[in-house]
Amino acid sequence: MKLADRYRFGVVAITKSDLVCRDADLFAAIGSHSPAAVNITITAADDCVAKRIEPHAASSADRFRAIEKLSAKNILCGVILLPVLPFITDTTENISAIVSRATEAGAAFVYAEKKFRRVAS
């Protein structure tokens, strides 16, 4: 990313980790001359559900806090709501909670996609 900054390239990071906050100053520096954004994947609003789906990833709460920290430094942040899992994370309650918490945290957008394959008969 230091090279992207030096040569005035933009960057977009997509991550499940709150460790992206370590590079907040670098994202802000890049954002001063080129597009810079951080997109954080959040699958479930509830940390217990998220832990069962992604046992080794940062908690959803940590990810929302990362969005707050980055947004506070005027870094464009979004939520990638993927995967949407049938009967697990496709509920109105889960999706509404993620959108609400993303808005509260300062996310500029939430991107979601729902793809279900039909089973051949």
N, C-alpha and C. Protein backbone atom coordinates (compact mmCIF):
# COMPACT_ATOMS: atom_id res chain seq x y z
N MET A 1 0.82 -1.18 0.00
CA MET A 1 0.00 0.00 0.00
C MET A 1 0.87 1.26 0.00
N LYS A 2 2.05 1.16 0.56
CA LYS A 2 2.93 2.33 0.53
C LYS A 2 3.29 2.68 -0.91
N LEU A 3 3.47 1.67 -1.74
CA LEU A 3 3.76 1.93 -3.16
C LEU A 3 2.55 2.54 -3.85
N ALA A 4 1.36 2.06 -3.52
CA ALA A 4 0.14 2.65 -4.09
C ALA A 4 0.06 4.13 -3.73
N ASP A 5 0.40 4.45 -2.50
CA ASP A 5 0.39 5.85 -2.07
C ASP A 5 1.47 6.64 -2.81
N ARG A 6 2.66 6.10 -2.87
CA ARG A 6 3.76 6.82 -3.50
C ARG A 6 3.48 7.11 -4.97
N TYR A 7 2.90 6.13 -5.68
CA TYR A 7 2.64 6.31 -7.11
C TYR A 7 1.21 6.76 -7.41
N ARG A 8 0.50 7.15 -6.33
CA ARG A 8 -0.82 7.78 -6.44
C ARG A 8 -1.88 6.88 -7.06
N PHE A 9 -1.86 5.62 -6.67
CA PHE A 9 -2.90 4.68 -7.07
C PHE A 9 -3.94 4.60 -5.97
N GLY A 10 -5.15 4.27 -6.35
CA GLY A 10 -6.20 4.03 -5.37
C GLY A 10 -6.16 2.59 -4.88
N VAL A 11 -6.84 2.32 -3.79
CA VAL A 11 -6.90 0.97 -3.24
C VAL A 11 -8.29 0.67 -2.70
N VAL A 12 -8.66 -0.59 -2.78
CA VAL A 12 -9.87 -1.08 -2.14
C VAL A 12 -9.49 -2.39 -1.45
N ALA A 13 -9.79 -2.47 -0.18
CA ALA A 13 -9.54 -3.69 0.58
C ALA A 13 -10.88 -4.34 0.91
N ILE A 14 -10.93 -5.65 0.78
CA ILE A 14 -12.09 -6.43 1.19
C ILE A 14 -11.58 -7.43 2.22
N THR A 15 -12.15 -7.38 3.42
CA THR A 15 -11.61 -8.18 4.51
C THR A 15 -12.70 -8.62 5.48
N LYS A 16 -12.37 -9.63 6.28
CA LYS A 16 -13.21 -10.04 7.40
C LYS A 16 -12.55 -9.66 8.72
N SER A 17 -11.44 -8.96 8.64
CA SER A 17 -10.64 -8.69 9.83
C SER A 17 -10.71 -7.23 10.26
N ASP A 18 -10.72 -7.04 11.57
CA ASP A 18 -10.66 -5.69 12.12
C ASP A 18 -9.22 -5.16 12.13
N LEU A 19 -8.26 -6.01 11.79
CA LEU A 19 -6.86 -5.58 11.76
C LEU A 19 -6.59 -4.54 10.67
N VAL A 20 -7.53 -4.37 9.77
CA VAL A 20 -7.39 -3.36 8.72
C VAL A 20 -7.22 -1.97 9.33
N CYS A 21 -7.67 -1.80 10.55
CA CYS A 21 -7.53 -0.49 11.23
C CYS A 21 -6.07 -0.10 11.42
N ARG A 22 -5.17 -1.08 11.44
CA ARG A 22 -3.75 -0.75 11.58
C ARG A 22 -3.26 0.13 10.44
N ASP A 23 -3.91 0.03 9.28
CA ASP A 23 -3.50 0.80 8.11
C ASP A 23 -4.38 2.02 7.87
N ALA A 24 -5.12 2.44 8.87
CA ALA A 24 -6.04 3.57 8.71
C ALA A 24 -5.34 4.82 8.20
N ASP A 25 -4.17 5.12 8.74
CA ASP A 25 -3.46 6.33 8.31
C ASP A 25 -3.04 6.23 6.84
N LEU A 26 -2.67 5.04 6.42
CA LEU A 26 -2.27 4.84 5.03
C LEU A 26 -3.48 4.95 4.09
N PHE A 27 -4.61 4.38 4.49
CA PHE A 27 -5.83 4.54 3.69
C PHE A 27 -6.21 6.01 3.58
N ALA A 28 -6.10 6.73 4.69
CA ALA A 28 -6.43 8.17 4.68
C ALA A 28 -5.47 8.93 3.77
N ALA A 29 -4.19 8.60 3.80
CA ALA A 29 -3.22 9.27 2.93
C ALA A 29 -3.53 9.00 1.47
N ILE A 30 -3.82 7.77 1.14
CA ILE A 30 -4.18 7.42 -0.25
C ILE A 30 -5.46 8.14 -0.65
N GLY A 31 -6.42 8.17 0.27
CA GLY A 31 -7.70 8.82 -0.01
C GLY A 31 -7.59 10.31 -0.24
N SER A 32 -6.47 10.91 0.16
CA SER A 32 -6.29 12.34 -0.07
C SER A 32 -5.97 12.65 -1.53
N HIS A 33 -5.56 11.64 -2.30
CA HIS A 33 -5.23 11.88 -3.71
C HIS A 33 -5.90 10.90 -4.69
N SER A 34 -6.41 9.79 -4.19
CA SER A 34 -6.99 8.77 -5.07
C SER A 34 -8.11 8.06 -4.31
N PRO A 35 -8.95 7.30 -5.02
CA PRO A 35 -9.99 6.55 -4.32
C PRO A 35 -9.38 5.53 -3.35
N ALA A 36 -9.93 5.46 -2.16
CA ALA A 36 -9.51 4.48 -1.15
C ALA A 36 -10.75 4.03 -0.39
N ALA A 37 -10.91 2.73 -0.24
CA ALA A 37 -12.09 2.21 0.45
C ALA A 37 -11.76 0.91 1.15
N VAL A 38 -12.52 0.64 2.21
CA VAL A 38 -12.43 -0.62 2.93
C VAL A 38 -13.82 -1.22 2.97
N ASN A 39 -13.92 -2.43 2.47
CA ASN A 39 -15.18 -3.17 2.50
C ASN A 39 -15.01 -4.35 3.45
N ILE A 40 -15.88 -4.42 4.44
CA ILE A 40 -15.77 -5.47 5.45
C ILE A 40 -16.94 -6.42 5.30
N THR A 41 -16.62 -7.69 5.17
CA THR A 41 -17.64 -8.73 5.04
C THR A 41 -18.25 -9.00 6.41
N ILE A 42 -19.57 -8.94 6.47
CA ILE A 42 -20.31 -9.29 7.69
C ILE A 42 -21.46 -10.19 7.26
N THR A 43 -21.46 -11.40 7.80
CA THR A 43 -22.44 -12.41 7.41
C THR A 43 -23.64 -12.44 8.35
N ALA A 44 -23.37 -12.26 9.65
CA ALA A 44 -24.43 -12.34 10.65
C ALA A 44 -24.27 -11.20 11.66
N ALA A 45 -25.37 -10.60 12.03
CA ALA A 45 -25.34 -9.52 13.03
C ALA A 45 -25.02 -10.07 14.41
N ASP A 46 -25.49 -11.26 14.68
CA ASP A 46 -25.30 -11.90 15.97
C ASP A 46 -23.94 -12.58 16.03
N ASP A 47 -23.14 -12.24 17.03
CA ASP A 47 -21.79 -12.80 17.14
C ASP A 47 -21.79 -14.31 17.32
N CYS A 48 -22.79 -14.86 18.00
CA CYS A 48 -22.84 -16.32 18.19
C CYS A 48 -23.06 -17.04 16.87
N VAL A 49 -23.95 -16.52 16.05
CA VAL A 49 -24.20 -17.12 14.73
C VAL A 49 -22.95 -16.96 13.87
N ALA A 50 -22.36 -15.78 13.87
CA ALA A 50 -21.17 -15.52 13.07
C ALA A 50 -20.03 -16.47 13.46
N LYS A 51 -19.88 -16.72 14.76
CA LYS A 51 -18.80 -17.59 15.24
C LYS A 51 -18.98 -19.02 14.74
N ARG A 52 -20.21 -19.45 14.60
CA ARG A 52 -20.46 -20.81 14.11
C ARG A 52 -20.18 -20.92 12.61
N ILE A 53 -20.43 -19.83 11.88
CA ILE A 53 -20.21 -19.83 10.43
C ILE A 53 -18.75 -19.60 10.11
N GLU A 54 -18.13 -18.67 10.83
CA GLU A 54 -16.74 -18.27 10.57
C GLU A 54 -15.96 -18.32 11.89
N PRO A 55 -15.62 -19.52 12.35
CA PRO A 55 -15.04 -19.65 13.69
C PRO A 55 -13.70 -18.96 13.90
N HIS A 56 -12.96 -18.70 12.86
CA HIS A 56 -11.63 -18.11 13.03
C HIS A 56 -11.56 -16.64 12.59
N ALA A 57 -12.68 -16.07 12.27
CA ALA A 57 -12.72 -14.67 11.82
C ALA A 57 -13.05 -13.75 13.00
N ALA A 58 -12.78 -12.47 12.82
CA ALA A 58 -13.13 -11.47 13.84
C ALA A 58 -14.64 -11.47 14.06
N SER A 59 -15.05 -11.12 15.26
CA SER A 59 -16.48 -11.07 15.56
C SER A 59 -17.15 -9.96 14.75
N SER A 60 -18.45 -10.07 14.58
CA SER A 60 -19.19 -9.02 13.88
C SER A 60 -19.07 -7.70 14.63
N ALA A 61 -19.11 -7.76 15.95
CA ALA A 61 -18.97 -6.53 16.76
C ALA A 61 -17.63 -5.86 16.49
N ASP A 62 -16.55 -6.66 16.40
CA ASP A 62 -15.23 -6.10 16.10
C ASP A 62 -15.21 -5.48 14.70
N ARG A 63 -15.89 -6.11 13.77
CA ARG A 63 -15.93 -5.58 12.40
C ARG A 63 -16.69 -4.25 12.34
N PHE A 64 -17.81 -4.18 13.06
CA PHE A 64 -18.56 -2.91 13.09
C PHE A 64 -17.73 -1.81 13.76
N ARG A 65 -16.97 -2.16 14.80
CA ARG A 65 -16.10 -1.17 15.45
C ARG A 65 -15.01 -0.70 14.49
N ALA A 66 -14.52 -1.61 13.65
CA ALA A 66 -13.51 -1.22 12.65
C ALA A 66 -14.10 -0.21 11.68
N ILE A 67 -15.34 -0.43 11.27
CA ILE A 67 -16.00 0.52 10.36
C ILE A 67 -16.12 1.89 11.04
N GLU A 68 -16.48 1.89 12.32
CA GLU A 68 -16.58 3.15 13.07
C GLU A 68 -15.24 3.89 13.07
N LYS A 69 -14.17 3.16 13.39
CA LYS A 69 -12.84 3.78 13.46
C LYS A 69 -12.41 4.33 12.11
N LEU A 70 -12.61 3.55 11.07
CA LEU A 70 -12.18 3.98 9.73
C LEU A 70 -13.04 5.14 9.23
N SER A 71 -14.33 5.05 9.43
CA SER A 71 -15.23 6.12 9.00
C SER A 71 -14.91 7.43 9.72
N ALA A 72 -14.50 7.32 10.98
CA ALA A 72 -14.14 8.52 11.74
C ALA A 72 -12.94 9.22 11.13
N LYS A 73 -12.13 8.49 10.37
CA LYS A 73 -10.97 9.09 9.67
C LYS A 73 -11.31 9.43 8.22
N ASN A 74 -12.61 9.48 7.93
CA ASN A 74 -13.11 9.81 6.59
C ASN A 74 -12.67 8.82 5.51
N ILE A 75 -12.55 7.57 5.89
CA ILE A 75 -12.24 6.51 4.93
C ILE A 75 -13.55 5.88 4.51
N LEU A 76 -13.77 5.79 3.20
CA LEU A 76 -15.00 5.19 2.68
C LEU A 76 -15.06 3.73 3.08
N CYS A 77 -16.13 3.35 3.77
CA CYS A 77 -16.31 1.97 4.22
C CYS A 77 -17.66 1.44 3.76
N GLY A 78 -17.68 0.16 3.46
CA GLY A 78 -18.92 -0.51 3.11
C GLY A 78 -18.96 -1.88 3.74
N VAL A 79 -20.15 -2.45 3.76
CA VAL A 79 -20.36 -3.80 4.28
C VAL A 79 -20.71 -4.70 3.12
N ILE A 80 -20.02 -5.82 3.04
CA ILE A 80 -20.33 -6.86 2.07
C ILE A 80 -21.10 -7.93 2.85
N LEU A 81 -22.38 -8.04 2.59
CA LEU A 81 -23.24 -8.98 3.30
C LEU A 81 -23.29 -10.28 2.50
N LEU A 82 -22.24 -11.03 2.60
CA LEU A 82 -22.12 -12.30 1.87
C LEU A 82 -21.34 -13.30 2.72
N PRO A 83 -21.63 -14.56 2.64
CA PRO A 83 -22.72 -15.13 1.89
C PRO A 83 -24.05 -14.97 2.64
N VAL A 84 -25.12 -14.93 1.90
CA VAL A 84 -26.46 -14.97 2.48
C VAL A 84 -26.86 -16.44 2.45
N LEU A 85 -26.91 -17.05 3.62
CA LEU A 85 -27.14 -18.48 3.72
C LEU A 85 -28.61 -18.79 3.97
N PRO A 86 -29.21 -19.60 3.12
CA PRO A 86 -30.63 -19.93 3.28
C PRO A 86 -30.93 -20.51 4.67
N PHE A 87 -31.97 -20.00 5.29
CA PHE A 87 -32.47 -20.45 6.59
C PHE A 87 -31.53 -20.15 7.76
N ILE A 88 -30.42 -19.48 7.49
CA ILE A 88 -29.47 -19.16 8.56
C ILE A 88 -29.29 -17.65 8.66
N THR A 89 -28.85 -17.02 7.56
CA THR A 89 -28.60 -15.58 7.61
C THR A 89 -29.51 -14.80 6.67
N ASP A 90 -30.47 -15.47 6.04
CA ASP A 90 -31.35 -14.76 5.10
C ASP A 90 -32.61 -14.21 5.75
N THR A 91 -32.64 -14.16 7.08
CA THR A 91 -33.83 -13.66 7.77
C THR A 91 -33.91 -12.13 7.70
N THR A 92 -35.12 -11.65 7.75
CA THR A 92 -35.34 -10.21 7.77
C THR A 92 -34.65 -9.58 8.97
N GLU A 93 -34.70 -10.26 10.11
CA GLU A 93 -34.09 -9.73 11.32
C GLU A 93 -32.58 -9.57 11.16
N ASN A 94 -31.91 -10.58 10.62
CA ASN A 94 -30.46 -10.51 10.46
C ASN A 94 -30.07 -9.42 9.47
N ILE A 95 -30.71 -9.40 8.32
CA ILE A 95 -30.35 -8.42 7.29
C ILE A 95 -30.65 -7.00 7.77
N SER A 96 -31.80 -6.82 8.41
CA SER A 96 -32.14 -5.49 8.94
C SER A 96 -31.15 -5.04 10.01
N ALA A 97 -30.75 -5.97 10.86
CA ALA A 97 -29.79 -5.63 11.92
C ALA A 97 -28.44 -5.24 11.34
N ILE A 98 -27.98 -5.95 10.33
CA ILE A 98 -26.71 -5.61 9.70
C ILE A 98 -26.79 -4.23 9.05
N VAL A 99 -27.87 -3.97 8.32
CA VAL A 99 -28.02 -2.66 7.66
C VAL A 99 -28.07 -1.54 8.71
N SER A 100 -28.82 -1.75 9.79
CA SER A 100 -28.91 -0.73 10.85
C SER A 100 -27.57 -0.48 11.51
N ARG A 101 -26.89 -1.55 11.88
CA ARG A 101 -25.59 -1.40 12.55
C ARG A 101 -24.54 -0.81 11.61
N ALA A 102 -24.61 -1.18 10.33
CA ALA A 102 -23.68 -0.60 9.35
C ALA A 102 -23.89 0.90 9.24
N THR A 103 -25.14 1.32 9.20
CA THR A 103 -25.46 2.74 9.12
C THR A 103 -24.96 3.47 10.36
N GLU A 104 -25.21 2.90 11.53
CA GLU A 104 -24.76 3.51 12.79
C GLU A 104 -23.23 3.62 12.84
N ALA A 105 -22.55 2.63 12.25
CA ALA A 105 -21.08 2.61 12.28
C ALA A 105 -20.47 3.57 11.26
N GLY A 106 -21.26 4.03 10.31
CA GLY A 106 -20.75 4.97 9.33
C GLY A 106 -20.48 4.38 7.96
N ALA A 107 -20.96 3.17 7.71
CA ALA A 107 -20.77 2.56 6.38
C ALA A 107 -21.54 3.35 5.33
N ALA A 108 -20.94 3.49 4.17
CA ALA A 108 -21.56 4.23 3.07
C ALA A 108 -22.53 3.37 2.29
N PHE A 109 -22.35 2.06 2.36
CA PHE A 109 -23.24 1.16 1.62
C PHE A 109 -23.21 -0.23 2.22
N VAL A 110 -24.22 -1.01 1.87
CA VAL A 110 -24.27 -2.44 2.17
C VAL A 110 -24.56 -3.14 0.86
N TYR A 111 -23.70 -4.07 0.50
CA TYR A 111 -23.89 -4.85 -0.73
C TYR A 111 -24.26 -6.27 -0.34
N ALA A 112 -25.36 -6.76 -0.89
CA ALA A 112 -25.79 -8.13 -0.62
C ALA A 112 -26.25 -8.77 -1.93
N GLU A 113 -26.10 -10.05 -1.96
CA GLU A 113 -26.52 -10.80 -3.14
C GLU A 113 -27.11 -12.11 -2.66
N LYS A 114 -28.22 -12.49 -3.21
CA LYS A 114 -28.86 -13.73 -2.80
C LYS A 114 -28.96 -14.65 -3.99
N LYS A 115 -28.17 -15.69 -3.96
CA LYS A 115 -28.18 -16.67 -5.05
C LYS A 115 -28.47 -18.03 -4.49
N PHE A 116 -29.54 -18.62 -4.93
CA PHE A 116 -29.84 -20.00 -4.54
C PHE A 116 -29.92 -20.82 -5.82
N ARG A 117 -29.24 -21.92 -5.80
CA ARG A 117 -29.29 -22.81 -6.96
C ARG A 117 -30.45 -23.76 -6.83
N ARG A 118 -31.09 -23.99 -7.94
CA ARG A 118 -32.17 -24.97 -7.94
C ARG A 118 -31.57 -26.36 -8.04
N VAL A 119 -32.12 -27.23 -7.30
CA VAL A 119 -31.65 -28.62 -7.33
C VAL A 119 -32.32 -29.30 -8.51
N ALA A 120 -31.50 -29.93 -9.35
CA ALA A 120 -32.03 -30.63 -10.52
C ALA A 120 -32.85 -31.82 -10.06
N SER A 121 -33.99 -32.02 -10.70
CA SER A 121 -34.85 -33.14 -10.29
C SER A 121 -34.69 -34.32 -11.20
